């Protein structure tokens, strides 16, 4: 079962609903792009954000999701590279 992950109002949401996903994608929302290193700050300041591959892997591991897939082209920058070379999932 797919579970889109994001952060709304400083809370991690695993399994965003269609309306939550639309809300997060709204330009007025000004959601941040959250890598694994950004999640703690986003939660602390109660902001919104869409997770990067590394951010998604971190959340998925934390909640016990064992498999992760992405339909996006992965650009191997440092955070995703570390997450993908030693993945917890």
N, C-alpha and C. Protein backbone atom coordinates (compact mmCIF):
# COMPACT_ATOMS: atom_id res chain seq x y z
N UNK A 1 0.84 -1.18 0.00
CA UNK A 1 0.00 0.00 0.00
C UNK A 1 0.89 1.24 0.00
N UNK A 2 0.77 2.11 -0.99
CA UNK A 2 1.58 3.33 -1.05
C UNK A 2 1.25 4.28 0.11
N UNK A 3 2.28 4.96 0.58
CA UNK A 3 2.10 5.93 1.66
C UNK A 3 2.99 7.14 1.37
N UNK A 4 2.42 8.18 0.80
CA UNK A 4 3.17 9.40 0.52
C UNK A 4 3.49 10.08 1.85
N UNK A 5 4.72 10.54 1.99
CA UNK A 5 5.19 11.12 3.25
C UNK A 5 5.43 12.61 3.08
N UNK A 6 5.03 13.39 4.07
CA UNK A 6 5.26 14.82 4.08
C UNK A 6 5.17 15.36 5.49
N UNK A 7 5.38 16.65 5.63
CA UNK A 7 5.29 17.32 6.92
C UNK A 7 4.28 18.46 6.79
N UNK A 8 3.25 18.43 7.62
CA UNK A 8 2.22 19.48 7.64
C UNK A 8 2.15 20.08 9.04
N UNK A 9 2.31 21.38 9.12
CA UNK A 9 2.24 22.09 10.39
C UNK A 9 3.16 21.48 11.44
N UNK A 10 4.34 21.04 11.00
CA UNK A 10 5.32 20.50 11.93
C UNK A 10 5.08 19.07 12.37
N UNK A 11 4.16 18.37 11.72
CA UNK A 11 3.90 16.97 12.05
C UNK A 11 4.16 16.10 10.83
N UNK A 12 4.89 15.02 11.02
CA UNK A 12 5.13 14.08 9.93
C UNK A 12 3.84 13.34 9.65
N UNK A 13 3.48 13.25 8.38
CA UNK A 13 2.30 12.51 7.96
C UNK A 13 2.75 11.41 7.02
N UNK A 14 2.48 10.17 7.40
CA UNK A 14 2.79 9.01 6.56
C UNK A 14 1.46 8.53 6.01
N UNK A 15 1.29 8.67 4.70
CA UNK A 15 0.02 8.34 4.07
C UNK A 15 -0.83 9.58 3.87
N UNK A 16 -0.25 10.60 3.24
CA UNK A 16 -0.99 11.83 2.96
C UNK A 16 -2.25 11.54 2.15
N UNK A 17 -3.35 12.15 2.55
CA UNK A 17 -4.59 12.03 1.77
C UNK A 17 -4.46 12.90 0.52
N UNK A 18 -5.37 12.72 -0.40
CA UNK A 18 -5.36 13.53 -1.63
C UNK A 18 -5.47 15.01 -1.29
N UNK A 19 -6.32 15.36 -0.35
CA UNK A 19 -6.48 16.77 0.01
C UNK A 19 -5.24 17.31 0.73
N UNK A 20 -4.58 16.49 1.56
CA UNK A 20 -3.35 16.93 2.22
C UNK A 20 -2.23 17.12 1.21
N UNK A 21 -2.15 16.23 0.23
CA UNK A 21 -1.13 16.34 -0.81
C UNK A 21 -1.36 17.60 -1.64
N UNK A 22 -2.61 17.87 -1.98
CA UNK A 22 -2.95 19.08 -2.73
C UNK A 22 -2.61 20.33 -1.91
N UNK A 23 -2.90 20.29 -0.63
CA UNK A 23 -2.60 21.41 0.27
C UNK A 23 -1.09 21.64 0.34
N UNK A 24 -0.33 20.57 0.47
CA UNK A 24 1.13 20.67 0.55
C UNK A 24 1.72 21.20 -0.75
N UNK A 25 1.12 20.87 -1.88
CA UNK A 25 1.62 21.31 -3.18
C UNK A 25 1.21 22.73 -3.55
N UNK A 26 0.32 23.33 -2.78
CA UNK A 26 -0.14 24.69 -3.08
C UNK A 26 0.99 25.70 -2.95
N UNK A 27 1.18 26.55 -3.97
CA UNK A 27 2.23 27.58 -3.89
C UNK A 27 2.06 28.52 -2.70
N UNK A 28 0.82 28.75 -2.29
CA UNK A 28 0.58 29.63 -1.14
C UNK A 28 1.13 29.03 0.16
N UNK A 29 1.24 27.72 0.19
CA UNK A 29 1.71 27.03 1.39
C UNK A 29 3.21 27.24 1.61
N UNK A 30 3.95 27.48 0.53
CA UNK A 30 5.40 27.70 0.59
C UNK A 30 6.12 26.59 1.35
N UNK A 31 5.79 25.35 1.01
CA UNK A 31 6.39 24.19 1.66
C UNK A 31 7.88 24.10 1.33
N UNK A 32 8.64 23.69 2.30
CA UNK A 32 10.08 23.50 2.13
C UNK A 32 10.36 22.13 1.52
N UNK A 33 11.56 21.97 1.02
CA UNK A 33 12.04 20.68 0.54
C UNK A 33 12.89 20.11 1.68
N UNK A 34 12.44 18.99 2.27
CA UNK A 34 13.05 18.50 3.50
C UNK A 34 13.87 17.24 3.29
N UNK A 35 15.18 17.36 3.47
CA UNK A 35 16.05 16.20 3.47
C UNK A 35 16.08 15.64 4.89
N UNK A 36 16.75 14.53 5.09
CA UNK A 36 16.79 13.93 6.43
C UNK A 36 17.34 14.89 7.47
N UNK A 37 18.30 15.71 7.11
CA UNK A 37 18.88 16.64 8.07
C UNK A 37 17.94 17.79 8.44
N UNK A 38 16.91 18.04 7.61
CA UNK A 38 16.00 19.16 7.82
C UNK A 38 14.77 18.81 8.66
N UNK A 39 14.52 17.53 8.85
CA UNK A 39 13.27 17.11 9.48
C UNK A 39 13.11 17.64 10.91
N UNK A 40 14.16 17.55 11.71
CA UNK A 40 14.08 18.02 13.10
C UNK A 40 13.75 19.50 13.19
N UNK A 41 14.36 20.30 12.34
CA UNK A 41 14.10 21.74 12.34
C UNK A 41 12.66 22.01 11.91
N UNK A 42 12.20 21.30 10.87
CA UNK A 42 10.82 21.50 10.39
C UNK A 42 9.81 21.17 11.49
N UNK A 43 10.08 20.11 12.25
CA UNK A 43 9.18 19.75 13.35
C UNK A 43 9.24 20.79 14.46
N UNK A 44 10.45 21.26 14.76
CA UNK A 44 10.63 22.23 15.85
C UNK A 44 9.94 23.56 15.57
N UNK A 45 9.96 24.00 14.31
CA UNK A 45 9.36 25.30 13.99
C UNK A 45 7.98 25.18 13.37
N UNK A 46 7.44 23.94 13.36
CA UNK A 46 6.07 23.67 12.89
C UNK A 46 5.83 24.18 11.47
N UNK A 47 6.72 23.82 10.57
CA UNK A 47 6.59 24.24 9.18
C UNK A 47 6.03 23.10 8.32
N UNK A 48 5.88 23.35 7.04
CA UNK A 48 5.40 22.37 6.07
C UNK A 48 6.54 21.98 5.15
N UNK A 49 6.49 20.75 4.65
CA UNK A 49 7.52 20.37 3.70
C UNK A 49 7.25 19.05 3.02
N UNK A 50 7.82 18.94 1.83
CA UNK A 50 7.81 17.70 1.07
C UNK A 50 9.16 17.04 1.29
N UNK A 51 9.17 15.73 1.49
CA UNK A 51 10.42 15.05 1.77
C UNK A 51 11.17 14.69 0.49
N UNK A 52 12.48 14.83 0.56
CA UNK A 52 13.35 14.37 -0.52
C UNK A 52 13.48 12.85 -0.38
N UNK A 53 14.24 12.23 -1.27
CA UNK A 53 14.48 10.78 -1.16
C UNK A 53 15.10 10.45 0.19
N UNK A 54 16.11 11.20 0.60
CA UNK A 54 16.76 10.94 1.89
C UNK A 54 15.79 11.17 3.05
N UNK A 55 14.98 12.21 2.98
CA UNK A 55 13.99 12.47 4.02
C UNK A 55 12.94 11.38 4.10
N UNK A 56 12.51 10.89 2.94
CA UNK A 56 11.53 9.81 2.89
C UNK A 56 12.10 8.54 3.48
N UNK A 57 13.35 8.21 3.15
CA UNK A 57 13.99 7.02 3.69
C UNK A 57 14.09 7.11 5.21
N UNK A 58 14.46 8.28 5.74
CA UNK A 58 14.58 8.44 7.18
C UNK A 58 13.25 8.22 7.89
N UNK A 59 12.19 8.82 7.37
CA UNK A 59 10.87 8.66 7.99
C UNK A 59 10.39 7.23 7.84
N UNK A 60 10.55 6.66 6.66
CA UNK A 60 10.10 5.28 6.42
C UNK A 60 10.77 4.32 7.40
N UNK A 61 12.07 4.48 7.59
CA UNK A 61 12.80 3.63 8.53
C UNK A 61 12.26 3.81 9.95
N UNK A 62 12.01 5.04 10.33
CA UNK A 62 11.54 5.34 11.68
C UNK A 62 10.18 4.71 11.98
N UNK A 63 9.32 4.64 10.99
CA UNK A 63 7.97 4.08 11.21
C UNK A 63 7.87 2.61 10.83
N UNK A 64 8.97 2.00 10.40
CA UNK A 64 8.97 0.57 10.13
C UNK A 64 8.57 0.16 8.73
N UNK A 65 8.64 1.09 7.77
CA UNK A 65 8.38 0.74 6.38
C UNK A 65 9.65 0.13 5.81
N UNK A 66 9.53 -1.04 5.20
CA UNK A 66 10.70 -1.78 4.72
C UNK A 66 11.06 -1.55 3.27
N UNK A 67 10.14 -1.00 2.48
CA UNK A 67 10.38 -0.82 1.04
C UNK A 67 10.05 0.60 0.66
N UNK A 68 10.88 1.18 -0.19
CA UNK A 68 10.64 2.55 -0.65
C UNK A 68 10.91 2.61 -2.15
N UNK A 69 10.06 3.28 -2.88
CA UNK A 69 10.25 3.46 -4.32
C UNK A 69 10.01 4.92 -4.66
N UNK A 70 10.64 5.36 -5.74
CA UNK A 70 10.44 6.71 -6.22
C UNK A 70 10.28 6.67 -7.74
N UNK A 71 9.41 7.52 -8.23
CA UNK A 71 9.22 7.61 -9.67
C UNK A 71 10.04 8.73 -10.27
N UNK A 72 10.77 9.45 -9.43
CA UNK A 72 11.55 10.60 -9.85
C UNK A 72 12.95 10.15 -10.24
N UNK A 73 13.59 10.91 -11.09
CA UNK A 73 14.99 10.66 -11.38
C UNK A 73 15.79 11.09 -10.16
N UNK A 74 16.59 10.20 -9.64
CA UNK A 74 17.37 10.50 -8.45
C UNK A 74 18.66 11.18 -8.87
N UNK A 75 18.88 12.35 -8.34
CA UNK A 75 20.14 13.05 -8.55
C UNK A 75 20.98 12.74 -7.32
N UNK A 76 22.12 12.12 -7.56
CA UNK A 76 22.92 11.67 -6.44
C UNK A 76 23.74 12.80 -5.84
N UNK A 77 23.10 13.52 -4.95
CA UNK A 77 23.80 14.51 -4.15
C UNK A 77 24.12 13.82 -2.82
N UNK A 78 24.81 14.46 -1.94
CA UNK A 78 25.38 13.79 -0.79
C UNK A 78 24.37 13.11 0.14
N UNK A 79 23.30 13.76 0.55
CA UNK A 79 22.36 13.14 1.49
C UNK A 79 21.72 11.88 0.90
N UNK A 80 21.15 11.92 -0.31
CA UNK A 80 20.60 10.67 -0.86
C UNK A 80 21.66 9.60 -1.07
N UNK A 81 22.87 10.00 -1.43
CA UNK A 81 23.93 9.01 -1.65
C UNK A 81 24.21 8.26 -0.35
N UNK A 82 24.33 8.98 0.76
CA UNK A 82 24.57 8.32 2.05
C UNK A 82 23.39 7.43 2.41
N UNK A 83 22.18 7.92 2.21
CA UNK A 83 20.99 7.14 2.55
C UNK A 83 20.87 5.90 1.67
N UNK A 84 21.24 6.00 0.42
CA UNK A 84 21.08 4.88 -0.49
C UNK A 84 22.22 3.88 -0.43
N UNK A 85 23.42 4.31 0.02
CA UNK A 85 24.54 3.38 0.11
C UNK A 85 24.50 2.57 1.39
N UNK A 86 23.80 3.06 2.39
CA UNK A 86 23.66 2.33 3.65
C UNK A 86 22.20 2.42 4.09
N UNK A 87 21.28 1.94 3.26
CA UNK A 87 19.86 2.15 3.55
C UNK A 87 19.36 1.28 4.70
N UNK A 88 18.57 1.88 5.59
CA UNK A 88 17.97 1.10 6.66
C UNK A 88 16.78 0.29 6.17
N UNK A 89 16.32 0.56 4.93
CA UNK A 89 15.16 -0.17 4.41
C UNK A 89 15.58 -0.97 3.19
